[in-house]
Amino acid sequence: MNKSDVSKKQNSLQKRKAPLATPTDLKAAATKDIAGAMNAILADVFALYLKTKNFHWHMSGPHFRDYHLMLDEQADQLFAMADPIAERIRKVGGSTLRSIGHIARTQRVLDNDAEYVEPSDMLAELRDDNKTLAARLREAHDVCDEHRDIATASLTEVWIDETERRTWFLFESTRSADTTGH
């Protein structure tokens, strides 16, 4: 191996060991806080997406078609959030989730692996999970505000609105089964 090849190999090894340093005007503490808050949101979004698809796949009963379609629409909306969240984390200089295991260690949304769940219980559980996600998005928004990350805060505002809409639809769908809705 000549000197040029050795130098290229060493340079390549150094690049692999180098951190993913995205240029940003945010301080290191801001990057850490925002990435931490948004990675937790991302894990919750993935967990809620899969739970929503699970309930979509296992829906039954007289309102099957309406619920099945609503949950499919909601799952698509959740999935559409994932890439923009991960990209915001990278844009502010953080690193993001890397695996299903990483999601499982980070998520706060509880899984539901039950063999059978009543349709009204599915909708109520998703309603509560979405309501909690909205609250956590507000907490993440506060972190962004604290560090003047206007772009992430702005996106978070849209996701709060979408999450509140999902909560509202699920609430209205469960109204007859659960008159309190809370």
N, C-alpha and C. Protein backbone atom coordinates (compact mmCIF):
# COMPACT_ATOMS: atom_id res chain seq x y z
N MET A 1 0.85 -1.17 0.00
CA MET A 1 0.00 0.00 0.00
C MET A 1 0.90 1.24 0.00
N ASN A 2 0.64 2.17 -0.93
CA ASN A 2 1.47 3.37 -0.98
C ASN A 2 0.99 4.40 0.03
N LYS A 3 1.77 5.49 0.18
CA LYS A 3 1.48 6.52 1.18
C LYS A 3 0.10 7.14 0.96
N SER A 4 -0.26 7.36 -0.27
CA SER A 4 -1.54 7.99 -0.59
C SER A 4 -2.70 7.11 -0.13
N ASP A 5 -2.60 5.80 -0.37
CA ASP A 5 -3.65 4.88 0.05
C ASP A 5 -3.76 4.81 1.57
N VAL A 6 -2.60 4.81 2.24
CA VAL A 6 -2.58 4.77 3.71
C VAL A 6 -3.23 6.05 4.26
N SER A 7 -2.88 7.18 3.67
CA SER A 7 -3.45 8.46 4.11
C SER A 7 -4.96 8.48 3.91
N LYS A 8 -5.44 7.99 2.76
CA LYS A 8 -6.87 7.95 2.49
C LYS A 8 -7.59 7.04 3.49
N LYS A 9 -6.98 5.91 3.80
CA LYS A 9 -7.58 4.98 4.75
C LYS A 9 -7.66 5.60 6.14
N GLN A 10 -6.59 6.27 6.58
CA GLN A 10 -6.59 6.92 7.89
C GLN A 10 -7.63 8.04 7.94
N ASN A 11 -7.72 8.82 6.86
CA ASN A 11 -8.69 9.89 6.79
C ASN A 11 -10.11 9.32 6.86
N SER A 12 -10.34 8.23 6.17
CA SER A 12 -11.64 7.58 6.19
C SER A 12 -11.99 7.08 7.59
N LEU A 13 -11.03 6.49 8.28
CA LEU A 13 -11.25 6.02 9.65
C LEU A 13 -11.55 7.17 10.59
N GLN A 14 -10.85 8.29 10.43
CA GLN A 14 -11.09 9.46 11.28
C GLN A 14 -12.50 10.00 11.06
N LYS A 15 -12.94 10.04 9.82
CA LYS A 15 -14.27 10.54 9.51
C LYS A 15 -15.34 9.66 10.15
N ARG A 16 -15.12 8.35 10.15
CA ARG A 16 -16.10 7.43 10.77
C ARG A 16 -16.18 7.63 12.27
N LYS A 17 -15.07 8.00 12.88
CA LYS A 17 -15.05 8.20 14.33
C LYS A 17 -15.52 9.59 14.73
N ALA A 18 -15.53 10.52 13.78
CA ALA A 18 -15.92 11.90 14.08
C ALA A 18 -17.40 11.98 14.39
N PRO A 19 -17.76 12.83 15.35
CA PRO A 19 -19.18 13.00 15.66
C PRO A 19 -19.91 13.67 14.49
N LEU A 20 -21.19 13.47 14.43
CA LEU A 20 -22.02 14.10 13.42
C LEU A 20 -22.23 15.54 13.84
N ALA A 21 -21.38 16.40 13.37
CA ALA A 21 -21.40 17.80 13.82
C ALA A 21 -22.12 18.66 12.78
N THR A 22 -23.39 18.90 12.99
CA THR A 22 -24.15 19.78 12.12
C THR A 22 -23.92 21.21 12.58
N PRO A 23 -23.56 22.11 11.66
CA PRO A 23 -23.35 23.49 12.07
C PRO A 23 -24.64 24.14 12.56
N THR A 24 -24.59 24.78 13.70
CA THR A 24 -25.74 25.47 14.26
C THR A 24 -25.26 26.59 15.16
N ASP A 25 -26.10 27.61 15.29
CA ASP A 25 -25.74 28.69 16.21
C ASP A 25 -26.22 28.40 17.63
N LEU A 26 -26.91 27.28 17.80
CA LEU A 26 -27.37 26.90 19.14
C LEU A 26 -26.20 26.40 19.98
N LYS A 27 -26.24 26.68 21.25
CA LYS A 27 -25.21 26.20 22.17
C LYS A 27 -25.34 24.69 22.36
N ALA A 28 -24.29 24.06 22.82
CA ALA A 28 -24.28 22.61 23.02
C ALA A 28 -25.40 22.18 23.97
N ALA A 29 -25.63 22.95 25.01
CA ALA A 29 -26.70 22.62 25.97
C ALA A 29 -28.06 22.66 25.30
N ALA A 30 -28.26 23.62 24.40
CA ALA A 30 -29.54 23.72 23.68
C ALA A 30 -29.73 22.51 22.79
N THR A 31 -28.69 22.15 22.06
CA THR A 31 -28.77 20.97 21.20
C THR A 31 -29.12 19.74 22.01
N LYS A 32 -28.46 19.58 23.14
CA LYS A 32 -28.72 18.42 24.00
C LYS A 32 -30.16 18.42 24.50
N ASP A 33 -30.63 19.54 24.99
CA ASP A 33 -32.00 19.62 25.54
C ASP A 33 -33.06 19.41 24.45
N ILE A 34 -32.89 20.07 23.32
CA ILE A 34 -33.87 19.96 22.23
C ILE A 34 -33.86 18.56 21.66
N ALA A 35 -32.67 18.01 21.41
CA ALA A 35 -32.58 16.65 20.87
C ALA A 35 -33.20 15.65 21.85
N GLY A 36 -32.96 15.83 23.13
CA GLY A 36 -33.54 14.92 24.13
C GLY A 36 -35.06 14.99 24.14
N ALA A 37 -35.58 16.21 24.13
CA ALA A 37 -37.05 16.38 24.15
C ALA A 37 -37.68 15.82 22.88
N MET A 38 -37.05 16.10 21.74
CA MET A 38 -37.65 15.67 20.47
C MET A 38 -37.44 14.18 20.19
N ASN A 39 -36.36 13.60 20.70
CA ASN A 39 -36.19 12.15 20.57
C ASN A 39 -37.26 11.41 21.37
N ALA A 40 -37.60 11.95 22.54
CA ALA A 40 -38.68 11.34 23.34
C ALA A 40 -40.00 11.45 22.59
N ILE A 41 -40.24 12.60 21.95
CA ILE A 41 -41.46 12.77 21.14
C ILE A 41 -41.43 11.78 19.98
N LEU A 42 -40.30 11.67 19.31
CA LEU A 42 -40.18 10.75 18.17
C LEU A 42 -40.46 9.30 18.59
N ALA A 43 -39.93 8.89 19.72
CA ALA A 43 -40.20 7.53 20.21
C ALA A 43 -41.69 7.35 20.50
N ASP A 44 -42.29 8.36 21.12
CA ASP A 44 -43.74 8.29 21.40
C ASP A 44 -44.55 8.25 20.11
N VAL A 45 -44.14 9.00 19.12
CA VAL A 45 -44.85 9.01 17.83
C VAL A 45 -44.77 7.63 17.18
N PHE A 46 -43.59 7.02 17.18
CA PHE A 46 -43.47 5.67 16.62
C PHE A 46 -44.32 4.67 17.39
N ALA A 47 -44.28 4.75 18.72
CA ALA A 47 -45.07 3.82 19.54
C ALA A 47 -46.56 4.02 19.32
N LEU A 48 -46.99 5.28 19.24
CA LEU A 48 -48.41 5.57 19.01
C LEU A 48 -48.82 5.19 17.59
N TYR A 49 -47.94 5.37 16.65
CA TYR A 49 -48.20 4.93 15.26
C TYR A 49 -48.47 3.43 15.23
N LEU A 50 -47.57 2.66 15.85
CA LEU A 50 -47.73 1.20 15.81
C LEU A 50 -48.97 0.76 16.58
N LYS A 51 -49.26 1.40 17.70
CA LYS A 51 -50.47 1.06 18.46
C LYS A 51 -51.71 1.38 17.63
N THR A 52 -51.70 2.51 16.95
CA THR A 52 -52.83 2.90 16.12
C THR A 52 -53.01 1.90 14.98
N LYS A 53 -51.92 1.48 14.36
CA LYS A 53 -52.01 0.46 13.29
C LYS A 53 -52.49 -0.87 13.87
N ASN A 54 -52.00 -1.24 15.03
CA ASN A 54 -52.44 -2.48 15.69
C ASN A 54 -53.96 -2.46 15.86
N PHE A 55 -54.48 -1.37 16.40
CA PHE A 55 -55.92 -1.27 16.62
C PHE A 55 -56.66 -1.20 15.28
N HIS A 56 -56.10 -0.55 14.31
CA HIS A 56 -56.67 -0.51 12.95
C HIS A 56 -56.80 -1.93 12.39
N TRP A 57 -55.74 -2.72 12.54
CA TRP A 57 -55.74 -4.10 12.01
C TRP A 57 -56.69 -5.01 12.77
N HIS A 58 -56.91 -4.72 14.04
CA HIS A 58 -57.70 -5.62 14.89
C HIS A 58 -59.07 -5.06 15.24
N MET A 59 -59.49 -4.02 14.55
CA MET A 59 -60.81 -3.43 14.79
C MET A 59 -61.89 -4.43 14.40
N SER A 60 -63.00 -4.38 15.12
CA SER A 60 -64.14 -5.26 14.82
C SER A 60 -65.41 -4.54 15.25
N GLY A 61 -66.54 -5.11 14.93
CA GLY A 61 -67.81 -4.59 15.42
C GLY A 61 -68.59 -3.80 14.40
N PRO A 62 -69.73 -3.26 14.85
CA PRO A 62 -70.66 -2.61 13.93
C PRO A 62 -70.12 -1.33 13.28
N HIS A 63 -69.16 -0.67 13.89
CA HIS A 63 -68.59 0.55 13.32
C HIS A 63 -67.23 0.29 12.68
N PHE A 64 -66.99 -0.97 12.33
CA PHE A 64 -65.68 -1.39 11.82
C PHE A 64 -65.15 -0.46 10.73
N ARG A 65 -65.93 -0.26 9.69
CA ARG A 65 -65.43 0.52 8.55
C ARG A 65 -65.04 1.94 8.96
N ASP A 66 -65.90 2.62 9.69
CA ASP A 66 -65.61 4.00 10.11
C ASP A 66 -64.36 4.07 10.98
N TYR A 67 -64.28 3.20 11.97
CA TYR A 67 -63.13 3.20 12.88
C TYR A 67 -61.86 2.77 12.16
N HIS A 68 -61.98 1.74 11.33
CA HIS A 68 -60.84 1.23 10.57
C HIS A 68 -60.23 2.35 9.70
N LEU A 69 -61.08 3.07 9.01
CA LEU A 69 -60.60 4.16 8.14
C LEU A 69 -60.04 5.32 8.95
N MET A 70 -60.70 5.67 10.05
CA MET A 70 -60.22 6.76 10.89
C MET A 70 -58.84 6.44 11.46
N LEU A 71 -58.66 5.22 11.95
CA LEU A 71 -57.37 4.84 12.54
C LEU A 71 -56.28 4.78 11.49
N ASP A 72 -56.63 4.36 10.27
CA ASP A 72 -55.64 4.35 9.19
C ASP A 72 -55.20 5.77 8.87
N GLU A 73 -56.15 6.69 8.81
CA GLU A 73 -55.84 8.10 8.56
C GLU A 73 -54.97 8.66 9.69
N GLN A 74 -55.30 8.33 10.92
CA GLN A 74 -54.52 8.84 12.05
C GLN A 74 -53.11 8.24 12.07
N ALA A 75 -52.99 6.97 11.72
CA ALA A 75 -51.67 6.34 11.67
C ALA A 75 -50.81 7.01 10.59
N ASP A 76 -51.40 7.29 9.45
CA ASP A 76 -50.66 7.97 8.38
C ASP A 76 -50.16 9.33 8.86
N GLN A 77 -51.00 10.04 9.59
CA GLN A 77 -50.61 11.36 10.10
C GLN A 77 -49.45 11.24 11.09
N LEU A 78 -49.51 10.25 11.96
CA LEU A 78 -48.42 10.03 12.92
C LEU A 78 -47.12 9.67 12.19
N PHE A 79 -47.21 8.78 11.22
CA PHE A 79 -46.02 8.36 10.49
C PHE A 79 -45.40 9.56 9.76
N ALA A 80 -46.25 10.44 9.24
CA ALA A 80 -45.77 11.63 8.52
C ALA A 80 -45.01 12.59 9.44
N MET A 81 -45.20 12.49 10.73
CA MET A 81 -44.49 13.35 11.68
C MET A 81 -43.05 12.88 11.89
N ALA A 82 -42.80 11.60 11.73
CA ALA A 82 -41.52 11.01 12.14
C ALA A 82 -40.32 11.63 11.44
N ASP A 83 -40.33 11.69 10.13
CA ASP A 83 -39.16 12.20 9.42
C ASP A 83 -38.88 13.67 9.73
N PRO A 84 -39.88 14.54 9.72
CA PRO A 84 -39.59 15.93 10.09
C PRO A 84 -39.04 16.09 11.52
N ILE A 85 -39.52 15.27 12.45
CA ILE A 85 -38.99 15.33 13.82
C ILE A 85 -37.52 14.93 13.82
N ALA A 86 -37.21 13.80 13.19
CA ALA A 86 -35.83 13.32 13.16
C ALA A 86 -34.91 14.32 12.45
N GLU A 87 -35.40 14.90 11.36
CA GLU A 87 -34.58 15.87 10.64
C GLU A 87 -34.35 17.14 11.45
N ARG A 88 -35.34 17.57 12.23
CA ARG A 88 -35.13 18.75 13.09
C ARG A 88 -34.04 18.44 14.12
N ILE A 89 -34.07 17.24 14.67
CA ILE A 89 -33.05 16.86 15.65
C ILE A 89 -31.67 16.96 15.02
N ARG A 90 -31.54 16.47 13.80
CA ARG A 90 -30.25 16.52 13.10
C ARG A 90 -29.87 17.96 12.75
N LYS A 91 -30.86 18.76 12.33
CA LYS A 91 -30.56 20.14 11.94
C LYS A 91 -30.03 20.97 13.10
N VAL A 92 -30.45 20.66 14.32
CA VAL A 92 -29.96 21.42 15.47
C VAL A 92 -28.68 20.81 16.05
N GLY A 93 -28.15 19.78 15.38
CA GLY A 93 -26.87 19.22 15.79
C GLY A 93 -26.95 17.98 16.65
N GLY A 94 -28.14 17.44 16.85
CA GLY A 94 -28.29 16.24 17.66
C GLY A 94 -28.26 14.97 16.82
N SER A 95 -28.26 13.86 17.50
CA SER A 95 -28.42 12.57 16.81
C SER A 95 -29.75 11.99 17.26
N THR A 96 -30.28 11.12 16.43
CA THR A 96 -31.64 10.65 16.69
C THR A 96 -31.70 9.14 16.88
N LEU A 97 -32.90 8.66 17.06
CA LEU A 97 -33.13 7.24 17.32
C LEU A 97 -32.53 6.38 16.21
N ARG A 98 -32.05 5.20 16.59
CA ARG A 98 -31.35 4.35 15.63
C ARG A 98 -31.97 2.98 15.43
N SER A 99 -32.91 2.59 16.29
CA SER A 99 -33.41 1.22 16.19
C SER A 99 -34.74 1.08 16.93
N ILE A 100 -35.38 -0.06 16.71
CA ILE A 100 -36.60 -0.39 17.45
C ILE A 100 -36.29 -0.45 18.95
N GLY A 101 -35.14 -1.02 19.30
CA GLY A 101 -34.74 -1.09 20.70
C GLY A 101 -34.57 0.29 21.32
N HIS A 102 -34.00 1.22 20.55
CA HIS A 102 -33.81 2.59 21.03
C HIS A 102 -35.18 3.24 21.27
N ILE A 103 -36.11 2.98 20.35
CA ILE A 103 -37.48 3.49 20.52
C ILE A 103 -38.08 2.91 21.80
N ALA A 104 -37.95 1.60 21.98
CA ALA A 104 -38.53 0.93 23.15
C ALA A 104 -37.96 1.47 24.45
N ARG A 105 -36.68 1.82 24.45
CA ARG A 105 -36.06 2.35 25.67
C ARG A 105 -36.47 3.80 25.94
N THR A 106 -36.92 4.50 24.91
CA THR A 106 -37.20 5.93 25.02
C THR A 106 -38.69 6.25 25.12
N GLN A 107 -39.53 5.41 24.53
CA GLN A 107 -40.97 5.70 24.46
C GLN A 107 -41.60 5.78 25.83
N ARG A 108 -42.63 6.62 25.91
CA ARG A 108 -43.41 6.75 27.13
C ARG A 108 -44.84 6.27 26.91
N VAL A 109 -45.23 6.13 25.65
CA VAL A 109 -46.54 5.56 25.30
C VAL A 109 -46.47 4.06 25.58
N LEU A 110 -47.45 3.57 26.34
CA LEU A 110 -47.45 2.15 26.69
C LEU A 110 -47.96 1.31 25.53
N ASP A 111 -47.31 0.17 25.31
CA ASP A 111 -47.77 -0.77 24.29
C ASP A 111 -49.04 -1.46 24.76
N ASN A 112 -49.77 -2.03 23.81
CA ASN A 112 -50.93 -2.86 24.13
C ASN A 112 -50.82 -4.12 23.29
N ASP A 113 -50.40 -5.20 23.92
CA ASP A 113 -50.20 -6.48 23.24
C ASP A 113 -51.33 -7.47 23.51
N ALA A 114 -52.47 -6.97 23.99
CA ALA A 114 -53.59 -7.86 24.32
C ALA A 114 -54.09 -8.57 23.07
N GLU A 115 -54.53 -9.80 23.26
CA GLU A 115 -55.09 -10.58 22.16
C GLU A 115 -56.34 -9.92 21.59
N TYR A 116 -57.18 -9.39 22.48
CA TYR A 116 -58.42 -8.75 22.03
C TYR A 116 -58.67 -7.52 22.89
N VAL A 117 -59.05 -6.44 22.22
CA VAL A 117 -59.42 -5.20 22.90
C VAL A 117 -60.74 -4.76 22.31
N GLU A 118 -61.68 -4.42 23.18
CA GLU A 118 -62.98 -3.92 22.71
C GLU A 118 -62.75 -2.65 21.89
N PRO A 119 -63.50 -2.47 20.80
CA PRO A 119 -63.34 -1.26 19.99
C PRO A 119 -63.44 0.03 20.80
N SER A 120 -64.38 0.12 21.72
CA SER A 120 -64.51 1.35 22.53
C SER A 120 -63.27 1.55 23.41
N ASP A 121 -62.67 0.46 23.88
CA ASP A 121 -61.46 0.57 24.69
C ASP A 121 -60.26 0.99 23.83
N MET A 122 -60.22 0.49 22.59
CA MET A 122 -59.15 0.91 21.67
C MET A 122 -59.19 2.42 21.47
N LEU A 123 -60.38 2.91 21.16
CA LEU A 123 -60.53 4.34 20.87
C LEU A 123 -60.23 5.18 22.10
N ALA A 124 -60.69 4.72 23.27
CA ALA A 124 -60.44 5.46 24.52
C ALA A 124 -58.94 5.49 24.83
N GLU A 125 -58.27 4.37 24.63
CA GLU A 125 -56.83 4.31 24.90
C GLU A 125 -56.07 5.23 23.95
N LEU A 126 -56.42 5.21 22.68
CA LEU A 126 -55.77 6.09 21.72
C LEU A 126 -56.09 7.56 22.01
N ARG A 127 -57.31 7.84 22.43
CA ARG A 127 -57.70 9.20 22.81
C ARG A 127 -56.80 9.71 23.94
N ASP A 128 -56.64 8.89 24.97
CA ASP A 128 -55.81 9.28 26.11
C ASP A 128 -54.34 9.42 25.72
N ASP A 129 -53.86 8.50 24.87
CA ASP A 129 -52.46 8.58 24.41
C ASP A 129 -52.22 9.85 23.60
N ASN A 130 -53.16 10.20 22.74
CA ASN A 130 -53.01 11.42 21.94
C ASN A 130 -53.08 12.66 22.83
N LYS A 131 -53.97 12.63 23.81
CA LYS A 131 -54.08 13.76 24.75
C LYS A 131 -52.76 13.95 25.50
N THR A 132 -52.16 12.85 25.92
CA THR A 132 -50.87 12.90 26.61
C THR A 132 -49.77 13.37 25.66
N LEU A 133 -49.81 12.91 24.41
CA LEU A 133 -48.82 13.36 23.43
C LEU A 133 -48.91 14.87 23.23
N ALA A 134 -50.11 15.42 23.18
CA ALA A 134 -50.27 16.87 23.03
C ALA A 134 -49.60 17.60 24.20
N ALA A 135 -49.79 17.09 25.40
CA ALA A 135 -49.16 17.70 26.58
C ALA A 135 -47.63 17.61 26.49
N ARG A 136 -47.12 16.50 26.02
CA ARG A 136 -45.67 16.33 25.90
C ARG A 136 -45.11 17.21 24.77
N LEU A 137 -45.89 17.39 23.73
CA LEU A 137 -45.47 18.31 22.67
C LEU A 137 -45.37 19.74 23.21
N ARG A 138 -46.30 20.11 24.08
CA ARG A 138 -46.24 21.44 24.71
C ARG A 138 -44.98 21.58 25.57
N GLU A 139 -44.63 20.51 26.29
CA GLU A 139 -43.40 20.53 27.09
C GLU A 139 -42.18 20.69 26.19
N ALA A 140 -42.16 19.97 25.07
CA ALA A 140 -41.05 20.10 24.13
C ALA A 140 -41.01 21.51 23.53
N HIS A 141 -42.17 22.08 23.29
CA HIS A 141 -42.25 23.46 22.78
C HIS A 141 -41.61 24.42 23.78
N ASP A 142 -41.88 24.21 25.06
CA ASP A 142 -41.27 25.05 26.10
C ASP A 142 -39.74 24.97 26.06
N VAL A 143 -39.21 23.76 25.83
CA VAL A 143 -37.75 23.58 25.73
C VAL A 143 -37.23 24.36 24.52
N CYS A 144 -37.94 24.28 23.41
CA CYS A 144 -37.53 25.01 22.21
C CYS A 144 -37.57 26.52 22.45
N ASP A 145 -38.63 26.99 23.11
CA ASP A 145 -38.74 28.42 23.43
C ASP A 145 -37.59 28.87 24.32
N GLU A 146 -37.27 28.06 25.31
CA GLU A 146 -36.19 28.39 26.24
C GLU A 146 -34.88 28.63 25.51
N HIS A 147 -34.65 27.87 24.42
CA HIS A 147 -33.39 27.97 23.68
C HIS A 147 -33.53 28.76 22.37
N ARG A 148 -34.68 29.41 22.20
CA ARG A 148 -34.96 30.23 21.02
C ARG A 148 -34.88 29.43 19.72
N ASP A 149 -35.29 28.18 19.76
CA ASP A 149 -35.35 27.35 18.55
C ASP A 149 -36.74 27.52 17.93
N ILE A 150 -36.88 28.59 17.19
CA ILE A 150 -38.17 28.98 16.63
C ILE A 150 -38.68 27.96 15.62
N ALA A 151 -37.81 27.39 14.81
CA ALA A 151 -38.24 26.45 13.77
C ALA A 151 -38.86 25.19 14.38
N THR A 152 -38.20 24.60 15.36
CA THR A 152 -38.75 23.40 15.99
C THR A 152 -40.03 23.74 16.73
N ALA A 153 -40.06 24.88 17.39
CA ALA A 153 -41.27 25.31 18.10
C ALA A 153 -42.43 25.47 17.12
N SER A 154 -42.16 26.05 15.97
CA SER A 154 -43.20 26.26 14.96
C SER A 154 -43.76 24.92 14.47
N LEU A 155 -42.90 23.99 14.16
CA LEU A 155 -43.36 22.65 13.74
C LEU A 155 -44.15 21.99 14.85
N THR A 156 -43.69 22.14 16.07
CA THR A 156 -44.37 21.54 17.21
C THR A 156 -45.79 22.07 17.35
N GLU A 157 -45.98 23.34 17.05
CA GLU A 157 -47.32 23.93 17.11
C GLU A 157 -48.28 23.23 16.14
N VAL A 158 -47.80 22.91 14.95
CA VAL A 158 -48.63 22.19 13.97
C VAL A 158 -48.94 20.79 14.48
N TRP A 159 -47.95 20.13 15.06
CA TRP A 159 -48.16 18.77 15.57
C TRP A 159 -49.11 18.77 16.75
N ILE A 160 -49.07 19.80 17.56
CA ILE A 160 -50.04 19.91 18.67
C ILE A 160 -51.45 19.99 18.09
N ASP A 161 -51.63 20.83 17.09
CA ASP A 161 -52.95 20.97 16.47
C ASP A 161 -53.43 19.64 15.88
N GLU A 162 -52.56 18.94 15.17
CA GLU A 162 -52.93 17.65 14.58
C GLU A 162 -53.28 16.63 15.67
N THR A 163 -52.51 16.65 16.75
CA THR A 163 -52.74 15.71 17.86
C THR A 163 -54.05 16.03 18.57
N GLU A 164 -54.33 17.31 18.74
CA GLU A 164 -55.62 17.69 19.34
C GLU A 164 -56.78 17.27 18.44
N ARG A 165 -56.60 17.32 17.15
CA ARG A 165 -57.65 16.89 16.21
C ARG A 165 -57.90 15.39 16.36
N ARG A 166 -56.81 14.61 16.42
CA ARG A 166 -56.96 13.17 16.62
C ARG A 166 -57.67 12.89 17.94
N THR A 167 -57.29 13.61 19.00
CA THR A 167 -57.93 13.45 20.31
C THR A 167 -59.41 13.76 20.21
N TRP A 168 -59.76 14.82 19.56
CA TRP A 168 -61.16 15.24 19.38
C TRP A 168 -61.97 14.18 18.63
N PHE A 169 -61.43 13.67 17.52
CA PHE A 169 -62.14 12.65 16.75
C PHE A 169 -62.35 11.38 17.58
N LEU A 170 -61.31 10.98 18.31
CA LEU A 170 -61.42 9.79 19.16
C LEU A 170 -62.41 10.02 20.29
N PHE A 171 -62.39 11.21 20.87
CA PHE A 171 -63.35 11.56 21.92
C PHE A 171 -64.78 11.47 21.39
N GLU A 172 -65.03 12.08 20.26
CA GLU A 172 -66.38 12.08 19.69
C GLU A 172 -66.82 10.67 19.32
N SER A 173 -65.88 9.84 18.90
CA SER A 173 -66.19 8.46 18.53
C SER A 173 -66.50 7.59 19.73
N THR A 174 -66.04 8.00 20.91
CA THR A 174 -66.27 7.21 22.13
C THR A 174 -67.34 7.81 23.01
N ARG A 175 -67.92 8.90 22.62
CA ARG A 175 -68.88 9.63 23.46
C ARG A 175 -70.00 8.76 23.98
N SER A 176 -70.61 7.95 23.15
CA SER A 176 -71.73 7.12 23.61
C SER A 176 -71.28 6.03 24.58
N ALA A 177 -70.05 5.55 24.38
CA ALA A 177 -69.54 4.48 25.25
C ALA A 177 -68.99 5.03 26.55
N ASP A 178 -68.50 6.27 26.53
CA ASP A 178 -67.88 6.87 27.70
C ASP A 178 -68.27 8.35 27.73
N THR A 179 -69.31 8.68 28.46
CA THR A 179 -69.85 10.04 28.44
C THR A 179 -68.94 11.07 29.07
N THR A 180 -67.99 10.65 29.92
CA THR A 180 -67.09 11.62 30.54
C THR A 180 -66.01 12.04 29.56
N GLY A 181 -65.46 11.09 28.78
CA GLY A 181 -64.44 11.40 27.79
C GLY A 181 -63.12 11.88 28.35
N HIS A 182 -62.93 11.76 29.63
CA HIS A 182 -61.68 12.26 30.23
C HIS A 182 -60.99 11.15 30.87
